[in-house]
PDB file of N, CA and C in Angstrom:
ATOM      1  N   MET A   1       4.331  36.179   8.389  1.00  0.00           N
ATOM      2  CA  MET A   1       5.140  37.118   9.284  1.00  0.00           C
ATOM      3  C   MET A   1       5.179  38.627   9.462  1.00  0.00           C
ATOM      4  N   TYR A   2       5.401  39.403  10.419  1.00  0.00           N
ATOM      5  CA  TYR A   2       4.896  40.875  10.293  1.00  0.00           C
ATOM      6  C   TYR A   2       5.664  41.203  11.056  1.00  0.00           C
ATOM      7  N   VAL A   3       6.984  42.612  10.752  1.00  0.00           N
ATOM      8  CA  VAL A   3       8.243  43.509  10.692  1.00  0.00           C
ATOM      9  C   VAL A   3       7.392  44.106  11.296  1.00  0.00           C
ATOM     10  N   GLN A   4       7.885  45.736  12.739  1.00  0.00           N
ATOM     11  CA  GLN A   4       7.897  46.315  12.225  1.00  0.00           C
ATOM     12  C   GLN A   4      10.045  47.106  13.064  1.00  0.00           C
ATOM     13  N   ALA A   5       9.976  49.013  11.851  1.00  0.00           N
ATOM     14  CA  ALA A   5      10.144  49.384  11.658  1.00  0.00           C
ATOM     15  C   ALA A   5      10.783  51.342  11.870  1.00  0.00           C
ATOM     16  N   GLY A   6      11.631  51.973  12.010  1.00  0.00           N
ATOM     17  CA  GLY A   6      10.990  52.840  12.325  1.00  0.00           C
ATOM     18  C   GLY A   6      12.030  53.996  12.427  1.00  0.00           C
ATOM     19  N   GLY A   7      11.786  54.938  11.975  1.00  0.00           N
ATOM     20  CA  GLY A   7      13.071  55.742  12.423  1.00  0.00           C
ATOM     21  C   GLY A   7      12.892  56.468  13.271  1.00  0.00           C
ATOM     22  N   GLY A   8      14.034  58.026  13.284  1.00  0.00           N
ATOM     23  CA  GLY A   8      13.341  59.355  14.013  1.00  0.00           C
ATOM     24  C   GLY A   8      13.981  60.020  13.372  1.00  0.00           C
ATOM     25  N   VAL A   9      12.555  61.064  13.033  1.00  0.00           N
ATOM     26  CA  VAL A   9      11.788  61.932  12.232  1.00  0.00           C
ATOM     27  C   VAL A   9      12.357  63.027  13.699  1.00  0.00           C
ATOM     28  N   VAL A  10      13.844  64.239  13.217  1.00  0.00           N
ATOM     29  CA  VAL A  10      13.918  65.800  13.330  1.00  0.00           C
ATOM     30  C   VAL A  10      14.023  66.231  12.456  1.00  0.00           C
ATOM     31  N   TYR A  11      13.952  67.808  13.804  1.00  0.00           N
ATOM     32  CA  TYR A  11      13.723  69.865  12.384  1.00  0.00           C
ATOM     33  C   TYR A  11      14.030  68.790  10.527  1.00  0.00           C
ATOM     34  N   ASP A  12      15.123  68.573  10.923  1.00  0.00           N
ATOM     35  CA  ASP A  12      16.453  68.927   9.934  1.00  0.00           C
ATOM     36  C   ASP A  12      16.646  67.396   9.504  1.00  0.00           C
ATOM     37  N   SER A  13      15.337  66.476   9.614  1.00  0.00           N
ATOM     38  CA  SER A  13      15.925  65.728   9.025  1.00  0.00           C
ATOM     39  C   SER A  13      15.638  65.541   7.003  1.00  0.00           C
ATOM     40  N   ASN A  14      15.875  64.621   6.111  1.00  0.00           N
ATOM     41  CA  ASN A  14      15.458  64.195   4.993  1.00  0.00           C
ATOM     42  C   ASN A  14      14.025  63.702   4.661  1.00  0.00           C
ATOM     43  N   GLU A  15      13.099  63.782   4.945  1.00  0.00           N
ATOM     44  CA  GLU A  15      11.871  62.909   5.470  1.00  0.00           C
ATOM     45  C   GLU A  15      11.875  62.041   4.542  1.00  0.00           C
ATOM     46  N   GLU A  16      11.982  62.029   3.002  1.00  0.00           N
ATOM     47  CA  GLU A  16      12.818  60.751   1.792  1.00  0.00           C
ATOM     48  C   GLU A  16      13.445  59.385   2.715  1.00  0.00           C
ATOM     49  N   TYR A  17      14.855  60.084   2.620  1.00  0.00           N
ATOM     50  CA  TYR A  17      15.547  60.089   3.158  1.00  0.00           C
ATOM     51  C   TYR A  17      15.313  58.500   4.473  1.00  0.00           C
ATOM     52  N   GLU A  18      14.970  58.951   5.958  1.00  0.00           N
ATOM     53  CA  GLU A  18      14.260  58.945   6.003  1.00  0.00           C
ATOM     54  C   GLU A  18      13.179  57.742   5.615  1.00  0.00           C
ATOM     55  N   TYR A  19      12.245  57.976   4.898  1.00  0.00           N
ATOM     56  CA  TYR A  19      10.590  56.691   4.928  1.00  0.00           C
ATOM     57  C   TYR A  19      12.626  55.843   3.824  1.00  0.00           C
ATOM     58  N   ASN A  20      12.431  55.610   3.649  1.00  0.00           N
ATOM     59  CA  ASN A  20      13.928  54.180   2.605  1.00  0.00           C
ATOM     60  C   ASN A  20      14.665  53.870   3.748  1.00  0.00           C
ATOM     61  N   GLU A  21      15.028  54.827   4.882  1.00  0.00           N
ATOM     62  CA  GLU A  21      15.619  54.038   5.436  1.00  0.00           C
ATOM     63  C   GLU A  21      14.872  53.208   6.056  1.00  0.00           C
ATOM     64  N   THR A  22      13.489  52.943   7.289  1.00  0.00           N
ATOM     65  CA  THR A  22      12.667  51.946   7.277  1.00  0.00           C
ATOM     66  C   THR A  22      12.544  51.166   6.545  1.00  0.00           C
ATOM     67  N   VAL A  23      12.029  51.520   4.720  1.00  0.00           N
ATOM     68  CA  VAL A  23      11.627  50.000   4.341  1.00  0.00           C
ATOM     69  C   VAL A  23      13.095  49.211   4.145  1.00  0.00           C
ATOM     70  N   ASN A  24      14.424  49.386   4.025  1.00  0.00           N
ATOM     71  CA  ASN A  24      15.290  49.363   3.720  1.00  0.00           C
ATOM     72  C   ASN A  24      16.204  47.978   5.444  1.00  0.00           C
ATOM     73  N   LYS A  25      15.514  48.566   6.289  1.00  0.00           N
ATOM     74  CA  LYS A  25      15.386  48.522   7.716  1.00  0.00           C
ATOM     75  C   LYS A  25      14.537  46.793   7.375  1.00  0.00           C
ATOM     76  N   SER A  26      13.297  46.556   6.959  1.00  0.00           N
ATOM     77  CA  SER A  26      12.460  46.385   7.239  1.00  0.00           C
ATOM     78  C   SER A  26      12.917  44.680   6.324  1.00  0.00           C
ATOM     79  N   GLN A  27      13.724  45.516   5.108  1.00  0.00           N
ATOM     80  CA  GLN A  27      13.659  44.641   3.534  1.00  0.00           C
ATOM     81  C   GLN A  27      14.528  43.233   3.873  1.00  0.00           C
ATOM     82  N   ALA A  28      15.950  44.260   4.996  1.00  0.00           N
ATOM     83  CA  ALA A  28      17.472  44.049   5.330  1.00  0.00           C
ATOM     84  C   ALA A  28      16.204  41.812   6.900  1.00  0.00           C
ATOM     85  N   LEU A  29      15.618  42.516   6.967  1.00  0.00           N
ATOM     86  CA  LEU A  29      14.872  41.627   7.734  1.00  0.00           C
ATOM     87  C   LEU A  29      14.237  40.112   6.994  1.00  0.00           C
ATOM     88  N   PHE A  30      13.267  41.051   5.988  1.00  0.00           N
ATOM     89  CA  PHE A  30      12.419  39.608   5.507  1.00  0.00           C
ATOM     90  C   PHE A  30      13.113  39.167   5.091  1.00  0.00           C
ATOM     91  N   LEU A  31      14.759  39.234   3.899  1.00  0.00           N
ATOM     92  CA  LEU A  31      15.914  38.715   3.506  1.00  0.00           C
ATOM     93  C   LEU A  31      16.650  37.269   4.616  1.00  0.00           C
ATOM     94  N   LEU A  32      16.507  38.578   5.987  1.00  0.00           N
ATOM     95  CA  LEU A  32      16.907  37.048   6.017  1.00  0.00           C
ATOM     96  C   LEU A  32      15.983  35.694   7.070  1.00  0.00           C
ATOM     97  N   LYS A  33      14.865  36.039   6.868  1.00  0.00           N
ATOM     98  CA  LYS A  33      14.111  35.388   6.727  1.00  0.00           C
ATOM     99  C   LYS A  33      14.130  33.932   6.252  1.00  0.00           C
ATOM    100  N   LYS A  34      15.088  33.737   4.760  1.00  0.00           N
ATOM    101  CA  LYS A  34      14.695  33.004   3.569  1.00  0.00           C
ATOM    102  C   LYS A  34      16.739  32.210   4.002  1.00  0.00           C
ATOM    103  N   ILE A  35      16.972  32.643   5.185  1.00  0.00           N
ATOM    104  CA  ILE A  35      18.203  32.083   5.586  1.00  0.00           C
ATOM    105  C   ILE A  35      18.049  31.033   6.494  1.00  0.00           C
ATOM    106  N   PRO A  36      18.805  29.995   6.750  1.00  0.00           N
ATOM    107  CA  PRO A  36      18.754  29.060   7.519  1.00  0.00           C
ATOM    108  C   PRO A  36      18.685  29.236   8.136  1.00  0.00           C
ATOM    109  N   SER A  37      18.141  28.701   9.611  1.00  0.00           N
ATOM    110  CA  SER A  37      19.163  30.500  11.236  1.00  0.00           C
ATOM    111  C   SER A  37      20.182  29.434  11.267  1.00  0.00           C
ATOM    112  N   ARG A  38      20.914  28.188  10.362  1.00  0.00           N
ATOM    113  CA  ARG A  38      21.935  27.172  10.905  1.00  0.00           C
ATOM    114  C   ARG A  38      23.173  27.989   9.814  1.00  0.00           C
ATOM    115  N   GLU A  39      23.083  28.975   9.028  1.00  0.00           N
ATOM    116  CA  GLU A  39      23.587  29.754   8.753  1.00  0.00           C
ATOM    117  C   GLU A  39      24.714  31.248   9.286  1.00  0.00           C
ATOM    118  N   ILE A  40      23.263  31.469  10.439  1.00  0.00           N
ATOM    119  CA  ILE A  40      23.898  32.781  10.455  1.00  0.00           C
ATOM    120  C   ILE A  40      24.141  33.277  11.212  1.00  0.00           C
TER     121      ILE A  40
END
């Protein structure tokens, strides 16, 4: 399974926060994969 997630970096962005947000987005998709589709 491949997952793409990204964020928008602007002048006053916090790089660490943006990175963590991207990781969290992708992890949420992997967690959904573990739930049977009839329960979503």
